[in-house]
C-alpha atoms as a PDB file:
ATOM      1  CA  MET A   1      -4.837 -10.942  -6.897  1.00  0.00           C
ATOM      2  CA  SER A   2      -4.840  -9.207 -10.242  1.00  0.00           C
ATOM      3  CA  ASP A   3      -2.123  -6.583 -10.631  1.00  0.00           C
ATOM      4  CA  ASP A   4      -3.275  -3.653 -12.751  1.00  0.00           C
ATOM      5  CA  SER A   5      -0.325  -1.431 -11.835  1.00  0.00           C
ATOM      6  CA  THR A   6       1.351  -1.947 -15.209  1.00  0.00           C
ATOM      7  CA  LYS A   7      -1.678  -0.284 -16.803  1.00  0.00           C
ATOM      8  CA  GLY A   8      -1.579   2.686 -14.448  1.00  0.00           C
ATOM      9  CA  THR A   9      -4.613   1.424 -12.508  1.00  0.00           C
ATOM     10  CA  THR A  10      -5.130  -0.502  -9.304  1.00  0.00           C
ATOM     11  CA  HIS A  11      -8.018  -1.586  -7.097  1.00  0.00           C
ATOM     12  CA  PHE A  12      -9.802   0.363  -4.397  1.00  0.00           C
ATOM     13  CA  GLY A  13     -11.986  -2.347  -2.964  1.00  0.00           C
ATOM     14  CA  PHE A  14     -13.832  -3.700  -5.985  1.00  0.00           C
ATOM     15  CA  GLN A  15     -13.393  -0.476  -7.956  1.00  0.00           C
ATOM     16  CA  THR A  16     -10.660   0.047 -10.538  1.00  0.00           C
ATOM     17  CA  VAL A  17      -9.018   3.438 -10.014  1.00  0.00           C
ATOM     18  CA  ALA A  18      -5.998   5.323 -11.307  1.00  0.00           C
ATOM     19  CA  GLU A  19      -2.921   4.222  -9.375  1.00  0.00           C
ATOM     20  CA  GLY A  20      -2.136   7.795  -8.367  1.00  0.00           C
ATOM     21  CA  GLU A  21      -5.558   8.204  -6.773  1.00  0.00           C
ATOM     22  CA  LYS A  22      -5.567   5.236  -4.398  1.00  0.00           C
ATOM     23  CA  ALA A  23      -3.393   6.664  -1.621  1.00  0.00           C
ATOM     24  CA  GLY A  24      -5.621   9.719  -1.327  1.00  0.00           C
ATOM     25  CA  MET A  25      -8.746   7.575  -1.274  1.00  0.00           C
ATOM     26  CA  VAL A  26      -7.325   5.301   1.434  1.00  0.00           C
ATOM     27  CA  HIS A  27      -6.253   8.373   3.377  1.00  0.00           C
ATOM     28  CA  GLY A  28      -9.824   9.619   3.197  1.00  0.00           C
ATOM     29  CA  VAL A  29     -11.196   6.348   4.548  1.00  0.00           C
ATOM     30  CA  PHE A  30      -8.946   6.318   7.598  1.00  0.00           C
ATOM     31  CA  THR A  31      -9.353  10.016   8.256  1.00  0.00           C
ATOM     32  CA  ARG A  32     -13.114   9.487   8.441  1.00  0.00           C
ATOM     33  CA  VAL A  33     -12.961   6.441  10.727  1.00  0.00           C
ATOM     34  CA  ALA A  34     -10.044   7.446  12.971  1.00  0.00           C
ATOM     35  CA  SER A  35     -12.049   8.467  16.023  1.00  0.00           C
ATOM     36  CA  ARG A  36     -14.040   5.208  16.027  1.00  0.00           C
ATOM     37  CA  TYR A  37     -11.340   2.906  14.670  1.00  0.00           C
ATOM     38  CA  ASP A  38     -10.487   1.043  17.875  1.00  0.00           C
ATOM     39  CA  ILE A  39     -14.069   0.428  18.959  1.00  0.00           C
ATOM     40  CA  MET A  40     -15.001  -0.742  15.455  1.00  0.00           C
ATOM     41  CA  ASN A  41     -12.115  -3.228  15.484  1.00  0.00           C
ATOM     42  CA  ASP A  42     -13.471  -4.669  18.719  1.00  0.00           C
ATOM     43  CA  LEU A  43     -17.029  -4.870  17.407  1.00  0.00           C
ATOM     44  CA  MET A  44     -16.155  -6.322  13.989  1.00  0.00           C
ATOM     45  CA  SER A  45     -13.923  -9.061  15.384  1.00  0.00           C
ATOM     46  CA  GLY A  46     -15.602  -9.624  18.737  1.00  0.00           C
ATOM     47  CA  GLY A  47     -12.312  -8.552  20.288  1.00  0.00           C
ATOM     48  CA  VAL A  48     -10.414 -11.331  18.512  1.00  0.00           C
ATOM     49  CA  HIS A  49      -8.050  -8.810  16.860  1.00  0.00           C
ATOM     50  CA  ARG A  50      -6.478  -8.360  20.288  1.00  0.00           C
ATOM     51  CA  LEU A  51      -5.713 -12.088  20.467  1.00  0.00           C
ATOM     52  CA  TRP A  52      -4.227 -11.959  16.955  1.00  0.00           C
ATOM     53  CA  LYS A  53      -1.927  -9.109  17.968  1.00  0.00           C
ATOM     54  CA  ASP A  54      -0.913 -11.005  21.090  1.00  0.00           C
ATOM     55  CA  ALA A  55      -0.143 -14.033  18.887  1.00  0.00           C
ATOM     56  CA  MET A  56       1.973 -11.740  16.731  1.00  0.00           C
ATOM     57  CA  MET A  57       3.985 -10.698  19.779  1.00  0.00           C
ATOM     58  CA  ASP A  58       4.325 -14.312  20.940  1.00  0.00           C
ATOM     59  CA  TRP A  59       5.901 -15.317  17.612  1.00  0.00           C
ATOM     60  CA  LEU A  60       7.949 -12.143  17.377  1.00  0.00           C
ATOM     61  CA  ALA A  61       9.321 -12.539  20.928  1.00  0.00           C
ATOM     62  CA  PRO A  62      10.575  -8.933  21.342  1.00  0.00           C
ATOM     63  CA  ARG A  63      13.955  -8.605  23.010  1.00  0.00           C
ATOM     64  CA  PRO A  64      15.250  -5.834  25.288  1.00  0.00           C
ATOM     65  CA  GLY A  65      16.842  -2.939  23.443  1.00  0.00           C
ATOM     66  CA  GLN A  66      15.307  -3.637  20.044  1.00  0.00           C
ATOM     67  CA  ARG A  67      14.028  -0.832  17.838  1.00  0.00           C
ATOM     68  CA  LEU A  68      10.655  -1.341  16.159  1.00  0.00           C
ATOM     69  CA  LEU A  69       9.137   0.323  13.118  1.00  0.00           C
ATOM     70  CA  ASP A  70       5.369  -0.236  13.080  1.00  0.00           C
ATOM     71  CA  VAL A  71       4.043   0.839   9.670  1.00  0.00           C
ATOM     72  CA  ALA A  72       0.377   1.705   9.230  1.00  0.00           C
ATOM     73  CA  GLY A  73       0.587   1.690  13.018  1.00  0.00           C
ATOM     74  CA  GLY A  74      -2.514   3.817  13.482  1.00  0.00           C
ATOM     75  CA  THR A  75      -3.362   4.200  17.144  1.00  0.00           C
ATOM     76  CA  GLY A  76      -0.361   2.260  18.426  1.00  0.00           C
ATOM     77  CA  ASP A  77      -1.818  -1.149  19.368  1.00  0.00           C
ATOM     78  CA  VAL A  78       1.183  -3.136  18.170  1.00  0.00           C
ATOM     79  CA  ALA A  79       3.830  -0.673  19.343  1.00  0.00           C
ATOM     80  CA  PHE A  80       2.415  -0.589  22.871  1.00  0.00           C
ATOM     81  CA  ARG A  81       2.472  -4.376  23.052  1.00  0.00           C
ATOM     82  CA  PHE A  82       6.051  -4.466  21.787  1.00  0.00           C
ATOM     83  CA  LEU A  83       7.317  -1.897  24.307  1.00  0.00           C
ATOM     84  CA  LYS A  84       5.564  -3.668  27.170  1.00  0.00           C
ATOM     85  CA  ARG A  85       7.305  -6.954  26.368  1.00  0.00           C
ATOM     86  CA  ALA A  86      10.795  -5.578  25.677  1.00  0.00           C
ATOM     87  CA  PRO A  87      12.380  -3.411  28.400  1.00  0.00           C
ATOM     88  CA  GLY A  88      14.706  -0.762  27.021  1.00  0.00           C
ATOM     89  CA  SER A  89      13.232  -1.044  23.532  1.00  0.00           C
ATOM     90  CA  SER A  90      11.915   1.835  21.422  1.00  0.00           C
ATOM     91  CA  ALA A  91       9.392   2.208  18.621  1.00  0.00           C
ATOM     92  CA  VAL A  92       8.415   4.435  15.730  1.00  0.00           C
ATOM     93  CA  VAL A  93       4.741   4.369  14.743  1.00  0.00           C
ATOM     94  CA  LEU A  94       4.365   5.450  11.117  1.00  0.00           C
ATOM     95  CA  ASP A  95       1.052   6.074   9.371  1.00  0.00           C
ATOM     96  CA  MET A  96       0.001   8.048   6.298  1.00  0.00           C
ATOM     97  CA  THR A  97      -3.071   9.373   8.146  1.00  0.00           C
ATOM     98  CA  GLU A  98      -2.186  11.963  10.752  1.00  0.00           C
ATOM     99  CA  SER A  99      -5.591  11.766  12.448  1.00  0.00           C
ATOM    100  CA  MET A 100      -4.909   8.112  13.281  1.00  0.00           C
ATOM    101  CA  LEU A 101      -1.647   9.089  14.966  1.00  0.00           C
ATOM    102  CA  VAL A 102      -3.460  11.860  16.844  1.00  0.00           C
ATOM    103  CA  GLU A 103      -5.848   9.269  18.267  1.00  0.00           C
ATOM    104  CA  GLY A 104      -2.885   7.096  19.246  1.00  0.00           C
ATOM    105  CA  ARG A 105      -1.198   9.929  21.121  1.00  0.00           C
ATOM    106  CA  LYS A 106      -4.345  10.361  23.219  1.00  0.00           C
ATOM    107  CA  ARG A 107      -4.099   6.859  24.656  1.00  0.00           C
ATOM    108  CA  ALA A 108      -2.850   6.404  28.191  1.00  0.00           C
ATOM    109  CA  GLU A 109      -0.127   4.040  27.002  1.00  0.00           C
ATOM    110  CA  ALA A 110       1.286   6.819  24.826  1.00  0.00           C
ATOM    111  CA  GLU A 111       1.843   9.040  27.841  1.00  0.00           C
ATOM    112  CA  ARG A 112       3.521   6.275  29.827  1.00  0.00           C
ATOM    113  CA  GLN A 113       5.822   5.338  26.913  1.00  0.00           C
ATOM    114  CA  ALA A 114       6.449   8.861  25.559  1.00  0.00           C
ATOM    115  CA  GLU A 115      10.246   8.701  25.908  1.00  0.00           C
ATOM    116  CA  ARG A 116      10.425   5.417  23.956  1.00  0.00           C
ATOM    117  CA  LEU A 117       7.905   6.231  21.243  1.00  0.00           C
ATOM    118  CA  ASP A 118       7.882   8.446  18.144  1.00  0.00           C
ATOM    119  CA  TRP A 119       4.958   9.161  15.799  1.00  0.00           C
ATOM    120  CA  VAL A 120       5.727   9.817  12.125  1.00  0.00           C
ATOM    121  CA  VAL A 121       3.500  10.627   9.151  1.00  0.00           C
ATOM    122  CA  GLY A 122       4.813   8.714   6.162  1.00  0.00           C
ATOM    123  CA  ASP A 123       4.167   6.428   3.207  1.00  0.00           C
ATOM    124  CA  ALA A 124       4.962   2.697   3.391  1.00  0.00           C
ATOM    125  CA  MET A 125       6.211   2.813  -0.220  1.00  0.00           C
ATOM    126  CA  ALA A 126       8.759   5.585   0.489  1.00  0.00           C
ATOM    127  CA  LEU A 127       9.711   5.524   4.153  1.00  0.00           C
ATOM    128  CA  PRO A 128      11.280   8.789   5.421  1.00  0.00           C
ATOM    129  CA  LEU A 129      13.789   6.761   7.434  1.00  0.00           C
ATOM    130  CA  PRO A 130      17.422   5.661   6.968  1.00  0.00           C
ATOM    131  CA  ALA A 131      18.489   2.236   5.775  1.00  0.00           C
ATOM    132  CA  ASN A 132      19.596  -0.472   8.214  1.00  0.00           C
ATOM    133  CA  SER A 133      18.095   1.281  11.222  1.00  0.00           C
ATOM    134  CA  PHE A 134      15.468  -1.064  12.733  1.00  0.00           C
ATOM    135  CA  ASP A 135      15.564  -4.516  14.308  1.00  0.00           C
ATOM    136  CA  VAL A 136      11.893  -5.235  13.646  1.00  0.00           C
ATOM    137  CA  TYR A 137       9.353  -4.054  11.063  1.00  0.00           C
ATOM    138  CA  THR A 138       5.671  -4.771  11.655  1.00  0.00           C
ATOM    139  CA  ILE A 139       2.541  -3.896   9.699  1.00  0.00           C
ATOM    140  CA  SER A 140      -0.909  -4.985  10.895  1.00  0.00           C
ATOM    141  CA  PHE A 141      -4.018  -4.806   8.728  1.00  0.00           C
ATOM    142  CA  GLY A 142      -2.344  -2.139   6.619  1.00  0.00           C
ATOM    143  CA  ILE A 143      -0.435  -3.690   3.759  1.00  0.00           C
ATOM    144  CA  ARG A 144      -3.569  -4.528   1.786  1.00  0.00           C
ATOM    145  CA  ASN A 145      -4.248  -0.780   1.572  1.00  0.00           C
ATOM    146  CA  VAL A 146      -0.859  -0.013  -0.022  1.00  0.00           C
ATOM    147  CA  THR A 147      -0.987   0.861  -3.717  1.00  0.00           C
ATOM    148  CA  ARG A 148       2.134  -1.117  -4.676  1.00  0.00           C
ATOM    149  CA  ILE A 149       2.747  -3.866  -2.129  1.00  0.00           C
ATOM    150  CA  PRO A 150       6.130  -4.941  -3.614  1.00  0.00           C
ATOM    151  CA  ASP A 151       7.425  -1.383  -3.107  1.00  0.00           C
ATOM    152  CA  ALA A 152       6.398  -1.470   0.552  1.00  0.00           C
ATOM    153  CA  LEU A 153       8.122  -4.825   1.072  1.00  0.00           C
ATOM    154  CA  ARG A 154      11.317  -3.544  -0.544  1.00  0.00           C
ATOM    155  CA  GLU A 155      11.220  -0.508   1.754  1.00  0.00           C
ATOM    156  CA  ALA A 156      10.791  -2.827   4.724  1.00  0.00           C
ATOM    157  CA  TYR A 157      13.888  -4.717   3.633  1.00  0.00           C
ATOM    158  CA  ARG A 158      15.834  -1.465   3.191  1.00  0.00           C
ATOM    159  CA  VAL A 159      15.175  -0.026   6.652  1.00  0.00           C
ATOM    160  CA  LEU A 160      15.780  -3.277   8.539  1.00  0.00           C
ATOM    161  CA  LYS A 161      19.232  -4.019   9.894  1.00  0.00           C
ATOM    162  CA  PRO A 162      20.937  -7.201   8.678  1.00  0.00           C
ATOM    163  CA  GLY A 163      19.354  -9.938  10.762  1.00  0.00           C
ATOM    164  CA  GLY A 164      16.215  -7.854  11.186  1.00  0.00           C
ATOM    165  CA  ARG A 165      12.734  -9.319  11.066  1.00  0.00           C
ATOM    166  CA  LEU A 166       9.591  -8.502   9.115  1.00  0.00           C
ATOM    167  CA  MET A 167       6.205  -9.518  10.478  1.00  0.00           C
ATOM    168  CA  VAL A 168       2.894  -8.884   8.723  1.00  0.00           C
ATOM    169  CA  LEU A 169      -0.536  -9.441  10.261  1.00  0.00           C
ATOM    170  CA  GLU A 170      -3.290  -9.247   7.669  1.00  0.00           C
ATOM    171  CA  PHE A 171      -6.711 -10.612   6.843  1.00  0.00           C
ATOM    172  CA  SER A 172      -6.359 -13.613   4.580  1.00  0.00           C
ATOM    173  CA  HIS A 173      -8.211 -16.545   2.992  1.00  0.00           C
ATOM    174  CA  ILE A 174      -9.996 -19.441   4.721  1.00  0.00           C
ATOM    175  CA  PRO A 175      -8.969 -22.712   3.024  1.00  0.00           C
ATOM    176  CA  ASN A 176     -12.429 -24.249   3.571  1.00  0.00           C
ATOM    177  CA  ALA A 177     -14.848 -23.001   0.880  1.00  0.00           C
ATOM    178  CA  MET A 178     -17.999 -23.360   2.976  1.00  0.00           C
ATOM    179  CA  MET A 179     -16.474 -21.494   5.904  1.00  0.00           C
ATOM    180  CA  GLN A 180     -15.208 -18.774   3.556  1.00  0.00           C
ATOM    181  CA  LYS A 181     -18.735 -18.383   2.184  1.00  0.00           C
ATOM    182  CA  ALA A 182     -20.159 -18.008   5.692  1.00  0.00           C
ATOM    183  CA  TYR A 183     -17.490 -15.448   6.538  1.00  0.00           C
ATOM    184  CA  ASP A 184     -18.273 -13.530   3.343  1.00  0.00           C
ATOM    185  CA  LEU A 185     -21.953 -13.413   4.248  1.00  0.00           C
ATOM    186  CA  TYR A 186     -21.073 -11.927   7.636  1.00  0.00           C
ATOM    187  CA  SER A 187     -18.542  -9.478   6.226  1.00  0.00           C
ATOM    188  CA  PHE A 188     -20.671  -8.026   3.441  1.00  0.00           C
ATOM    189  CA  ASN A 189     -23.987  -7.985   5.287  1.00  0.00           C
ATOM    190  CA  VAL A 190     -23.003  -7.050   8.835  1.00  0.00           C
ATOM    191  CA  ILE A 191     -19.798  -4.991   8.850  1.00  0.00           C
ATOM    192  CA  PRO A 192     -20.936  -2.122   6.556  1.00  0.00           C
ATOM    193  CA  VAL A 193     -24.172  -1.819   8.565  1.00  0.00           C
ATOM    194  CA  MET A 194     -22.146  -1.789  11.775  1.00  0.00           C
ATOM    195  CA  GLY A 195     -19.965   0.942  10.289  1.00  0.00           C
ATOM    196  CA  GLN A 196     -23.054   3.011   9.534  1.00  0.00           C
ATOM    197  CA  ILE A 197     -24.442   2.620  13.044  1.00  0.00           C
ATOM    198  CA  VAL A 198     -21.235   3.099  15.041  1.00  0.00           C
ATOM    199  CA  ALA A 199     -19.112   5.357  12.818  1.00  0.00           C
ATOM    200  CA  ASN A 200     -21.828   6.871  10.593  1.00  0.00           C
ATOM    201  CA  ASP A 201     -19.799   5.687   7.615  1.00  0.00           C
ATOM    202  CA  ARG A 202     -21.038   2.681   5.656  1.00  0.00           C
ATOM    203  CA  ASP A 203     -18.894   3.317   2.561  1.00  0.00           C
ATOM    204  CA  SER A 204     -15.556   3.171   4.365  1.00  0.00           C
ATOM    205  CA  TYR A 205     -16.356  -0.189   5.903  1.00  0.00           C
ATOM    206  CA  GLN A 206     -17.686  -1.484   2.600  1.00  0.00           C
ATOM    207  CA  TYR A 207     -14.254  -0.632   1.155  1.00  0.00           C
ATOM    208  CA  LEU A 208     -12.454  -2.358   4.025  1.00  0.00           C
ATOM    209  CA  VAL A 209     -14.436  -5.571   3.470  1.00  0.00           C
ATOM    210  CA  GLU A 210     -13.797  -5.461  -0.276  1.00  0.00           C
ATOM    211  CA  SER A 211     -10.083  -4.779   0.193  1.00  0.00           C
ATOM    212  CA  ILE A 212      -9.742  -8.006   2.171  1.00  0.00           C
ATOM    213  CA  ARG A 213     -11.068  -9.984  -0.794  1.00  0.00           C
ATOM    214  CA  LYS A 214      -8.537  -8.370  -3.136  1.00  0.00           C
ATOM    215  CA  PHE A 215      -5.533  -9.306  -1.005  1.00  0.00           C
ATOM    216  CA  PRO A 216      -3.479 -12.317  -2.162  1.00  0.00           C
ATOM    217  CA  ASP A 217      -3.753 -15.673  -0.448  1.00  0.00           C
ATOM    218  CA  GLN A 218      -1.166 -16.904   2.028  1.00  0.00           C
ATOM    219  CA  GLU A 219       1.153 -18.683  -0.411  1.00  0.00           C
ATOM    220  CA  THR A 220       1.059 -15.872  -2.966  1.00  0.00           C
ATOM    221  CA  PHE A 221       1.887 -13.254  -0.366  1.00  0.00           C
ATOM    222  CA  ALA A 222       4.706 -15.393   1.052  1.00  0.00           C
ATOM    223  CA  GLY A 223       6.154 -15.456  -2.461  1.00  0.00           C
ATOM    224  CA  MET A 224       5.999 -11.668  -2.645  1.00  0.00           C
ATOM    225  CA  ILE A 225       7.954 -11.422   0.616  1.00  0.00           C
ATOM    226  CA  ARG A 226      10.641 -13.728  -0.792  1.00  0.00           C
ATOM    227  CA  GLN A 227      10.835 -11.658  -3.976  1.00  0.00           C
ATOM    228  CA  ALA A 228      11.589  -8.591  -1.835  1.00  0.00           C
ATOM    229  CA  GLY A 229      14.739 -10.349  -0.584  1.00  0.00           C
ATOM    230  CA  PHE A 230      13.608 -11.887   2.695  1.00  0.00           C
ATOM    231  CA  GLY A 231      14.659 -15.358   3.776  1.00  0.00           C
ATOM    232  CA  ASN A 232      13.179 -18.030   6.043  1.00  0.00           C
ATOM    233  CA  VAL A 233       9.677 -16.860   5.093  1.00  0.00           C
ATOM    234  CA  LYS A 234       6.872 -18.598   6.965  1.00  0.00           C
ATOM    235  CA  TYR A 235       3.249 -17.980   7.818  1.00  0.00           C
ATOM    236  CA  ARG A 236       0.701 -19.074  10.387  1.00  0.00           C
ATOM    237  CA  ASN A 237      -3.076 -19.012   9.969  1.00  0.00           C
ATOM    238  CA  LEU A 238      -5.145 -17.421  12.715  1.00  0.00           C
ATOM    239  CA  THR A 239      -8.804 -18.304  13.331  1.00  0.00           C
ATOM    240  CA  MET A 240      -8.768 -20.848  10.488  1.00  0.00           C
ATOM    241  CA  GLY A 241      -7.290 -18.350   8.025  1.00  0.00           C
ATOM    242  CA  VAL A 242      -9.498 -15.328   8.667  1.00  0.00           C
ATOM    243  CA  ALA A 243      -6.154 -13.654   9.341  1.00  0.00           C
ATOM    244  CA  ALA A 244      -2.564 -14.776   8.849  1.00  0.00           C
ATOM    245  CA  LEU A 245       0.834 -13.887  10.249  1.00  0.00           C
ATOM    246  CA  HIS A 246       3.742 -13.760   7.800  1.00  0.00           C
ATOM    247  CA  SER A 247       7.361 -13.682   8.995  1.00  0.00           C
ATOM    248  CA  GLY A 248      10.594 -13.081   7.115  1.00  0.00           C
ATOM    249  CA  TRP A 249      14.206 -12.196   7.888  1.00  0.00           C
ATOM    250  CA  LYS A 250      16.759  -9.873   6.309  1.00  0.00           C
ATOM    251  CA  LEU A 251      19.547 -12.425   6.105  1.00  0.00           C
END
């Protein structure tokens, strides 16, 4: 992934934009798609995103009493899974787009878990939360939308308690070139059209497809996690590398 931040620019999909403009543009995308976000995830992945999130929980193995920060947590998918698996645990769902959090609060799980769950509007690069205050930090399909990914990883390290764990679920790169080409054909030709039909918003889903291609590959991203201070960094490919789980520890 090319890093244009030193020049005061960054990428928004395949566009080059001023660094200060990206957050607002991303906010606009997710504000527009919030009400159809969950159904579009199911349609785009054939429901496989649910299996990926379950795999995330399997590797994470939540323990009773832990406190989770789920960044870019949107409508609460990951937080609800975490709370279900860990009795006595609690979670904060943080997202820069308030309309996504509004949709999350409407879900039945939110009502059942209300006493264990908080919803916070905030920026992954400058978390409005104290240091050393969470056992687990998760971010799912959100870190590729952050303007300065190293800043977000450093913030993750800051808010985790010593011994805390980072886990990132994100679209990634298929090692097989022919399979990657087939996946690209699907992504660029089907997903934007699907976005137009279901969410009446082709442009937002065109951006989301492009943003996947701009995200670093598995090894490069693992290196970025190490640079932020995390130890025992590992990753696992999901669905042949369409997505990947990255894990690290604040040692």
